Amino acid sequence: MSNYDIILHFEWIHNSHVHKYLALNKKLNKQCKSLMIFDNSQFGISKDFFSNFKKDDCVNVLLVPPDEAKKILSKFDYKIYISSSCGQKGRRDAVDIANKKAVTIQISDHMGDAYYCKNFYIYSLINNIMSDVCDYNNKIIWYSNCLLWDDIEECLPYNLTRNEFCNKYFLNSDKDILIWMPDNIQCQKGQAIVVYERICKIDNVIIKLHPNECKRHKSELVNGKWSYELYTNRKVPVLNPIDTHWAFKYASCGFGYTSTIGLEFSLYKKPFVYVDLPNNKSNLPIPYIFKDDINKKFFGGKFSWVGGNCNSSDLSCFIEEKKYVVSDDNLYNKHRDLFLACPDKKSIDVLSEQIINLLNGIKK
């Protein structure tokens, strides 16, 4: 029977970030024996998608159905079990199995980590912003960086130049690339639909669908249709999640209505603009994350981004005059300082160091 020092198990996986999980496992394997398990399920990744990645980056990586993952956790010996908060809607029985055999850790890849880790012994959270809003029930807390916020190219299946990216998505490489990032499909209502329709009329826009829409989560509410089928009257390119890194790298600005992606996008040192965010001159309904009670509950009242906001009726002028540009690096640095425990380090470096230190302590 095989033994491992560490087993990483991810049930809910963003397709746009698979390379970051692989990079963490690869780094851990340089110092110990680490196995990564991806769930092959609706909220995991498919065999076809997984086949895009290089074999050298997938050593000690398994893609299995959820029941098989539980059998592996029951069968193998290991000292540390690691999961993430993106399994919040998944099965927690895997954690129950691991808790009987190993030290269990939840690492950060979701803003509300602490709300979903009651079964875990140790938390490794995003940063001290969560300490203001969460009850940790006497758990052990490590402040860390969010794994999914790493701006890295390790373990990506291929490289794309700006021209190659633009050619793939029929964008003009001589113009600024703008990314529209809509909310969950079930959140496309009222003014959100108006914004969707208006921004997709702008030139050189590419749509990055919400991860939940990519997983078809609650798509039955709109008869299985895609948001771009419902809310655009022209052909707008839709980003393949596997190319998210290249989209973020070459984009000049991201746009959204109420998604928390504005916080994350600014960590890549790119400006983000919220469209139709209420101000003193409008009577628009307040988008979800900007409501005082929601902001306080999930972000300690500290939700922020680098960029601005504009009215959807002014979009054409706003973009033509490039009012979205933010060239002050100090603003991005302050943003990173607020949301990352170690703003000058890669998340995989921070996490691997914490995990290996724990492993060494267990072995003594």
Protein backbone atom coordinates (compact mmCIF):
# COMPACT_ATOMS: atom_id res chain seq x y z
CA MET A 1 0.00 0.00 0.00
CA SER A 2 1.33 3.42 -0.97
CA ASN A 3 2.00 5.98 1.73
CA TYR A 4 2.08 9.75 1.29
CA ASP A 5 3.18 12.61 3.45
CA ILE A 6 0.44 14.84 2.07
CA ILE A 7 -2.79 14.35 0.13
CA LEU A 8 -4.40 17.38 -1.49
CA HIS A 9 -8.02 16.85 -2.47
CA PHE A 10 -10.03 19.38 -4.46
CA GLU A 11 -13.71 18.76 -5.12
CA TRP A 12 -14.75 22.13 -6.56
CA ILE A 13 -12.20 23.35 -9.09
CA HIS A 14 -12.09 26.51 -11.16
CA ASN A 15 -10.99 25.46 -14.64
CA SER A 16 -9.18 28.76 -15.04
CA HIS A 17 -6.85 27.95 -12.12
CA VAL A 18 -5.95 24.27 -12.53
CA HIS A 19 -2.31 25.14 -13.23
CA LYS A 20 -2.04 26.80 -9.81
CA TYR A 21 -3.12 23.63 -8.01
CA LEU A 22 -0.62 21.67 -10.11
CA ALA A 23 2.16 24.14 -9.33
CA LEU A 24 1.54 23.80 -5.59
CA ASN A 25 1.64 20.00 -5.74
CA LYS A 26 4.76 20.05 -7.90
CA LYS A 27 6.52 22.32 -5.42
CA LEU A 28 5.53 20.14 -2.47
CA ASN A 29 6.84 17.04 -4.24
CA LYS A 30 10.31 18.54 -4.29
CA GLN A 31 10.39 18.26 -0.49
CA CYS A 32 8.10 15.34 0.34
CA LYS A 33 5.74 12.78 -1.20
CA SER A 34 2.53 14.57 -2.12
CA LEU A 35 -0.54 13.26 -3.95
CA MET A 36 -3.16 15.54 -5.51
CA ILE A 37 -6.70 14.29 -6.15
CA PHE A 38 -9.04 16.18 -8.48
CA ASP A 39 -12.71 15.19 -8.55
CA ASN A 40 -14.06 14.20 -11.93
CA SER A 41 -17.55 15.54 -11.32
CA GLN A 42 -19.86 18.40 -12.27
CA PHE A 43 -17.92 20.82 -10.09
CA GLY A 44 -14.55 19.21 -10.67
CA ILE A 45 -12.84 18.88 -14.03
CA SER A 46 -13.45 16.60 -16.99
CA LYS A 47 -11.00 14.14 -18.51
CA ASP A 48 -10.99 16.17 -21.73
CA PHE A 49 -10.06 19.36 -19.90
CA PHE A 50 -7.42 17.63 -17.78
CA SER A 51 -5.81 16.17 -20.92
CA ASN A 52 -4.67 19.68 -21.91
CA PHE A 53 -1.97 19.70 -19.24
CA LYS A 54 1.54 18.32 -19.62
CA LYS A 55 2.30 14.91 -18.15
CA ASP A 56 5.41 16.23 -16.40
CA ASP A 57 3.21 18.67 -14.47
CA CYS A 58 0.74 15.94 -13.50
CA VAL A 59 3.05 13.53 -11.67
CA ASN A 60 1.34 12.28 -8.50
CA VAL A 61 -1.98 13.72 -9.68
CA LEU A 62 -5.19 11.69 -9.96
CA LEU A 63 -8.50 12.56 -11.59
CA VAL A 64 -11.18 10.28 -10.13
CA PRO A 65 -14.90 10.24 -9.31
CA PRO A 66 -15.85 11.40 -5.78
CA ASP A 67 -16.50 7.88 -4.48
CA GLU A 68 -13.09 6.74 -5.69
CA ALA A 69 -11.47 9.72 -3.94
CA LYS A 70 -13.04 8.61 -0.66
CA LYS A 71 -11.72 5.06 -1.17
CA ILE A 72 -8.22 6.44 -1.69
CA LEU A 73 -8.47 8.54 1.47
CA SER A 74 -9.59 5.44 3.41
CA LYS A 75 -6.93 3.16 1.92
CA PHE A 76 -3.74 5.24 1.93
CA ASP A 77 -1.70 6.43 4.87
CA TYR A 78 -0.85 10.15 5.04
CA LYS A 79 0.06 12.72 7.64
CA ILE A 80 -1.65 15.84 6.24
CA TYR A 81 -4.88 16.23 4.28
CA ILE A 82 -5.49 19.50 2.43
CA SER A 83 -8.71 20.71 0.86
CA SER A 84 -10.14 24.07 -0.09
CA SER A 85 -13.23 26.16 0.39
CA CYS A 86 -14.38 25.69 -3.19
CA GLY A 87 -15.70 22.36 -1.90
CA GLN A 88 -18.20 24.32 0.18
CA LYS A 89 -21.14 22.97 -1.82
CA GLY A 90 -19.61 19.53 -2.20
CA ARG A 91 -19.28 16.53 0.07
CA ARG A 92 -17.73 17.04 3.48
CA ASP A 93 -17.62 13.31 4.23
CA ALA A 94 -14.17 13.18 2.62
CA VAL A 95 -12.94 15.51 5.35
CA ASP A 96 -14.52 13.28 7.99
CA ILE A 97 -12.50 10.35 6.66
CA ALA A 98 -9.28 12.35 6.64
CA ASN A 99 -9.85 13.75 10.13
CA LYS A 100 -9.57 10.21 11.54
CA LYS A 101 -6.18 9.64 9.90
CA ALA A 102 -4.34 12.95 9.55
CA VAL A 103 -4.08 16.62 10.36
CA THR A 104 -6.55 18.43 8.10
CA ILE A 105 -6.06 21.87 6.58
CA GLN A 106 -8.24 24.13 4.50
CA ILE A 107 -6.35 26.52 2.24
CA SER A 108 -7.72 29.74 0.86
CA ASP A 109 -9.29 30.00 -2.54
CA HIS A 110 -12.54 31.68 -1.53
CA MET A 111 -13.21 34.91 0.32
CA GLY A 112 -15.56 33.34 2.88
CA ASP A 113 -13.26 30.48 3.84
CA ALA A 114 -14.09 30.31 7.52
CA TYR A 115 -17.79 29.79 6.88
CA TYR A 116 -17.19 26.37 5.34
CA CYS A 117 -14.44 24.74 7.37
CA LYS A 118 -16.12 23.44 10.51
CA ASN A 119 -14.79 19.94 9.81
CA PHE A 120 -11.18 21.07 9.53
CA TYR A 121 -8.63 21.14 12.33
CA ILE A 122 -6.49 23.96 10.94
CA TYR A 123 -7.34 26.94 8.76
CA SER A 124 -4.97 28.72 6.43
CA LEU A 125 -6.83 31.89 5.58
CA ILE A 126 -6.43 34.67 3.05
CA ASN A 127 -5.43 37.50 5.37
CA ASN A 128 -6.39 39.38 8.49
CA ILE A 129 -9.50 40.88 6.89
CA MET A 130 -11.34 37.69 7.85
CA SER A 131 -10.35 37.98 11.51
CA ASP A 132 -12.84 40.83 11.87
CA VAL A 133 -15.85 38.88 10.68
CA CYS A 134 -15.41 35.18 11.50
CA ASP A 135 -15.64 32.96 14.54
CA TYR A 136 -12.93 30.35 14.28
CA ASN A 137 -14.12 28.20 17.19
CA ASN A 138 -10.64 27.98 18.71
CA LYS A 139 -9.13 26.55 15.53
CA ILE A 140 -5.51 27.15 14.55
CA ILE A 141 -5.22 29.98 12.03
CA TRP A 142 -2.40 30.69 9.60
CA TYR A 143 -2.59 33.89 7.62
CA SER A 144 -1.57 33.21 4.07
CA ASN A 145 -2.12 34.16 0.45
CA CYS A 146 -5.07 32.95 -1.58
CA LEU A 147 -3.94 30.17 -3.93
CA LEU A 148 -6.19 31.29 -6.77
CA TRP A 149 -4.86 34.84 -6.76
CA ASP A 150 -1.36 33.92 -7.89
CA ASP A 151 -0.23 35.59 -11.11
CA ILE A 152 1.89 32.64 -12.27
CA GLU A 153 2.54 30.78 -15.51
CA GLU A 154 3.93 27.55 -14.04
CA CYS A 155 2.14 24.44 -15.27
CA LEU A 156 0.06 26.22 -17.90
CA PRO A 157 -0.44 23.89 -20.88
CA TYR A 158 0.91 26.42 -23.41
CA ASN A 159 2.04 30.01 -23.89
CA LEU A 160 0.19 32.65 -25.87
CA THR A 161 1.67 35.91 -27.09
CA ARG A 162 -0.60 38.93 -27.25
CA ASN A 163 -1.00 38.51 -31.00
CA GLU A 164 -1.75 34.80 -30.64
CA PHE A 165 -4.34 35.50 -27.96
CA CYS A 166 -6.01 38.19 -30.07
CA ASN A 167 -6.01 36.02 -33.19
CA LYS A 168 -7.60 33.16 -31.24
CA TYR A 169 -10.44 35.37 -30.00
CA PHE A 170 -10.77 37.72 -33.00
CA LEU A 171 -9.66 40.76 -31.03
CA ASN A 172 -7.72 43.75 -32.31
CA SER A 173 -4.23 43.59 -30.79
CA ASP A 174 -3.69 47.30 -31.55
CA LYS A 175 -6.55 48.31 -29.25
CA ASP A 176 -7.09 47.94 -25.52
CA ILE A 177 -8.61 44.59 -24.60
CA LEU A 178 -11.59 44.87 -22.24
CA ILE A 179 -12.99 41.94 -20.23
CA TRP A 180 -16.65 41.76 -19.25
CA MET A 181 -17.08 39.56 -16.15
CA PRO A 182 -20.77 38.90 -15.46
CA ASP A 183 -22.14 37.43 -12.25
CA ASN A 184 -23.73 34.01 -11.74
CA ILE A 185 -26.39 33.23 -14.30
CA GLN A 186 -29.08 33.36 -11.59
CA CYS A 187 -27.99 36.91 -10.70
CA GLN A 188 -28.59 38.32 -14.18
CA LYS A 189 -31.66 40.40 -13.44
CA GLY A 190 -32.90 43.93 -13.89
CA GLN A 191 -30.09 46.43 -14.20
CA ALA A 192 -27.48 43.66 -14.47
CA ILE A 193 -29.04 42.64 -17.78
CA VAL A 194 -29.01 46.25 -18.99
CA VAL A 195 -25.29 46.50 -18.21
CA TYR A 196 -24.61 43.16 -19.93
CA GLU A 197 -26.35 44.29 -23.10
CA ARG A 198 -24.65 47.70 -23.20
CA ILE A 199 -21.08 46.62 -22.54
CA CYS A 200 -21.28 43.90 -25.17
CA LYS A 201 -21.93 46.59 -27.76
CA ILE A 202 -18.46 48.03 -27.08
CA ASP A 203 -15.61 47.16 -29.43
CA ASN A 204 -12.81 44.74 -28.45
CA VAL A 205 -14.66 43.21 -25.51
CA ILE A 206 -14.28 39.55 -24.50
CA ILE A 207 -16.65 37.81 -22.07
CA LYS A 208 -15.24 35.85 -19.12
CA LEU A 209 -18.13 33.83 -17.77
CA HIS A 210 -18.55 33.30 -14.04
CA PRO A 211 -17.06 29.92 -12.97
CA ASN A 212 -20.48 28.77 -11.79
CA GLU A 213 -21.98 29.47 -15.19
CA CYS A 214 -19.18 27.48 -16.81
CA LYS A 215 -20.17 24.59 -14.54
CA ARG A 216 -23.81 25.12 -15.64
CA HIS A 217 -24.78 25.74 -12.02
CA LYS A 218 -28.48 26.74 -11.91
CA SER A 219 -28.60 26.97 -15.71
CA GLU A 220 -32.00 25.28 -15.51
CA LEU A 221 -33.34 28.65 -14.35
CA VAL A 222 -32.77 29.99 -17.87
CA ASN A 223 -33.66 26.81 -19.79
CA GLY A 224 -30.02 25.79 -20.12
CA LYS A 225 -29.05 28.86 -22.11
CA TRP A 226 -25.82 30.83 -21.74
CA SER A 227 -25.90 34.43 -20.59
CA TYR A 228 -24.29 35.62 -23.83
CA GLU A 229 -27.08 33.94 -25.77
CA LEU A 230 -29.68 35.79 -23.73
CA TYR A 231 -28.16 39.24 -23.33
CA THR A 232 -26.12 40.04 -26.43
CA ASN A 233 -27.37 40.92 -29.88
CA ARG A 234 -23.97 40.57 -31.57
CA LYS A 235 -21.24 37.98 -31.65
CA VAL A 236 -18.84 38.66 -28.76
CA PRO A 237 -15.90 36.31 -28.11
CA VAL A 238 -16.24 34.12 -25.01
CA LEU A 239 -13.10 33.22 -23.10
CA ASN A 240 -12.13 29.58 -22.69
CA PRO A 241 -11.28 29.23 -18.96
CA ILE A 242 -7.96 27.64 -19.84
CA ASP A 243 -6.84 30.99 -21.30
CA THR A 244 -7.80 33.12 -18.29
CA HIS A 245 -4.19 33.87 -17.37
CA TRP A 246 -3.47 35.25 -20.83
CA ALA A 247 -6.67 37.30 -20.81
CA PHE A 248 -5.68 38.90 -17.49
CA LYS A 249 -2.14 39.48 -18.72
CA TYR A 250 -3.11 41.29 -21.91
CA ALA A 251 -6.29 43.04 -20.78
CA SER A 252 -6.32 46.77 -20.13
CA CYS A 253 -9.35 46.73 -17.85
CA GLY A 254 -12.02 44.47 -16.37
CA PHE A 255 -15.71 45.40 -16.07
CA GLY A 256 -18.43 43.99 -13.84
CA TYR A 257 -21.73 44.73 -12.16
CA THR A 258 -21.55 43.22 -8.67
CA SER A 259 -19.06 40.34 -8.74
CA THR A 260 -16.22 40.14 -6.21
CA ILE A 261 -13.86 39.67 -9.17
CA GLY A 262 -13.03 43.39 -8.88
CA LEU A 263 -11.07 42.67 -5.71
CA GLU A 264 -9.22 39.78 -7.32
CA PHE A 265 -8.58 41.44 -10.67
CA SER A 266 -6.83 44.36 -9.00
CA LEU A 267 -4.33 41.93 -7.44
CA TYR A 268 -3.06 41.40 -10.98
CA LYS A 269 -2.33 45.12 -11.08
CA LYS A 270 -5.09 45.80 -13.55
CA PRO A 271 -7.92 48.33 -13.10
CA PHE A 272 -11.51 47.24 -12.64
CA VAL A 273 -14.67 49.25 -13.29
CA TYR A 274 -18.07 48.59 -11.73
CA VAL A 275 -20.83 49.66 -14.06
CA ASP A 276 -23.95 51.30 -12.63
CA LEU A 277 -22.65 51.36 -9.09
CA PRO A 278 -25.03 53.75 -7.31
CA ASN A 279 -23.76 57.22 -6.55
CA ASN A 280 -25.29 60.49 -5.41
CA LYS A 281 -26.57 61.20 -8.91
CA SER A 282 -28.49 57.96 -9.44
CA ASN A 283 -31.31 56.00 -7.89
CA LEU A 284 -30.17 52.58 -9.08
CA PRO A 285 -30.62 49.57 -6.77
CA ILE A 286 -27.52 48.76 -4.72
CA PRO A 287 -25.67 45.71 -6.12
CA TYR A 288 -25.33 42.80 -3.69
CA ILE A 289 -21.73 43.15 -2.48
CA PHE A 290 -22.09 46.90 -1.92
CA LYS A 291 -24.91 46.57 0.58
CA ASP A 292 -23.65 47.59 4.00
CA ASP A 293 -24.71 44.37 5.76
CA ILE A 294 -23.17 42.11 3.10
CA ASN A 295 -19.94 44.10 2.98
CA LYS A 296 -19.65 43.95 6.75
CA LYS A 297 -20.50 40.25 7.00
CA PHE A 298 -18.11 38.97 4.34
CA PHE A 299 -15.45 41.66 4.09
CA GLY A 300 -15.49 43.45 7.42
CA GLY A 301 -16.69 46.51 5.53
CA LYS A 302 -13.36 46.62 3.69
CA PHE A 303 -14.28 45.46 0.19
CA SER A 304 -12.24 47.45 -2.31
CA TRP A 305 -10.74 47.44 -5.78
CA VAL A 306 -8.42 49.58 -7.88
CA GLY A 307 -10.30 51.43 -10.59
CA GLY A 308 -13.61 53.19 -10.56
CA ASN A 309 -17.20 53.07 -11.69
CA CYS A 310 -19.34 54.55 -14.44
CA ASN A 311 -22.92 54.60 -15.62
CA SER A 312 -23.77 52.18 -18.41
CA SER A 313 -25.24 55.05 -20.42
CA ASP A 314 -21.78 56.68 -20.41
CA LEU A 315 -19.80 53.54 -21.29
CA SER A 316 -18.83 54.51 -24.84
CA CYS A 317 -17.46 57.89 -23.81
CA PHE A 318 -15.84 56.47 -20.66
CA ILE A 319 -13.94 53.86 -22.67
CA GLU A 320 -13.13 56.12 -25.62
CA GLU A 321 -11.53 58.64 -23.26
CA LYS A 322 -9.77 55.80 -21.36
CA LYS A 323 -11.04 56.98 -18.02
CA TYR A 324 -10.48 53.45 -16.69
CA VAL A 325 -6.69 53.76 -16.79
CA VAL A 326 -4.93 53.59 -13.39
CA SER A 327 -1.17 53.99 -13.71
CA ASP A 328 -0.29 54.59 -10.05
CA ASP A 329 1.49 51.41 -8.87
CA ASN A 330 1.14 52.55 -5.26
CA LEU A 331 -2.62 51.98 -5.43
CA TYR A 332 -2.12 48.39 -6.55
CA ASN A 333 0.54 47.81 -3.91
CA LYS A 334 -1.74 49.10 -1.15
CA HIS A 335 -4.48 46.81 -2.41
CA ARG A 336 -2.17 43.80 -2.29
CA ASP A 337 -1.00 44.76 1.20
CA LEU A 338 -4.61 44.75 2.39
CA PHE A 339 -5.64 41.37 1.00
CA LEU A 340 -2.45 39.30 0.97
CA ALA A 341 -0.58 38.26 4.10
CA CYS A 342 2.65 38.10 2.08
CA PRO A 343 2.14 40.51 -0.84
CA ASP A 344 5.68 40.10 -2.21
CA LYS A 345 5.55 36.29 -2.38
CA LYS A 346 3.78 33.79 -4.59
CA SER A 347 0.98 31.95 -2.86
CA ILE A 348 2.48 28.56 -3.73
CA ASP A 349 5.69 29.60 -1.96
CA VAL A 350 3.88 30.82 1.15
CA LEU A 351 1.59 27.80 1.36
CA SER A 352 4.27 25.19 0.67
CA GLU A 353 6.51 26.68 3.35
CA GLN A 354 3.68 26.59 5.90
CA ILE A 355 2.72 23.04 4.95
CA ILE A 356 6.27 21.67 5.00
CA ASN A 357 6.93 23.31 8.38
CA LEU A 358 3.84 21.56 9.74
CA LEU A 359 4.94 18.25 8.20
CA ASN A 360 8.40 18.53 9.74
CA GLY A 361 6.80 19.17 13.12
CA ILE A 362 4.61 16.06 12.80
CA LYS A 363 7.58 13.89 11.86
CA LYS A 364 9.59 14.85 14.96
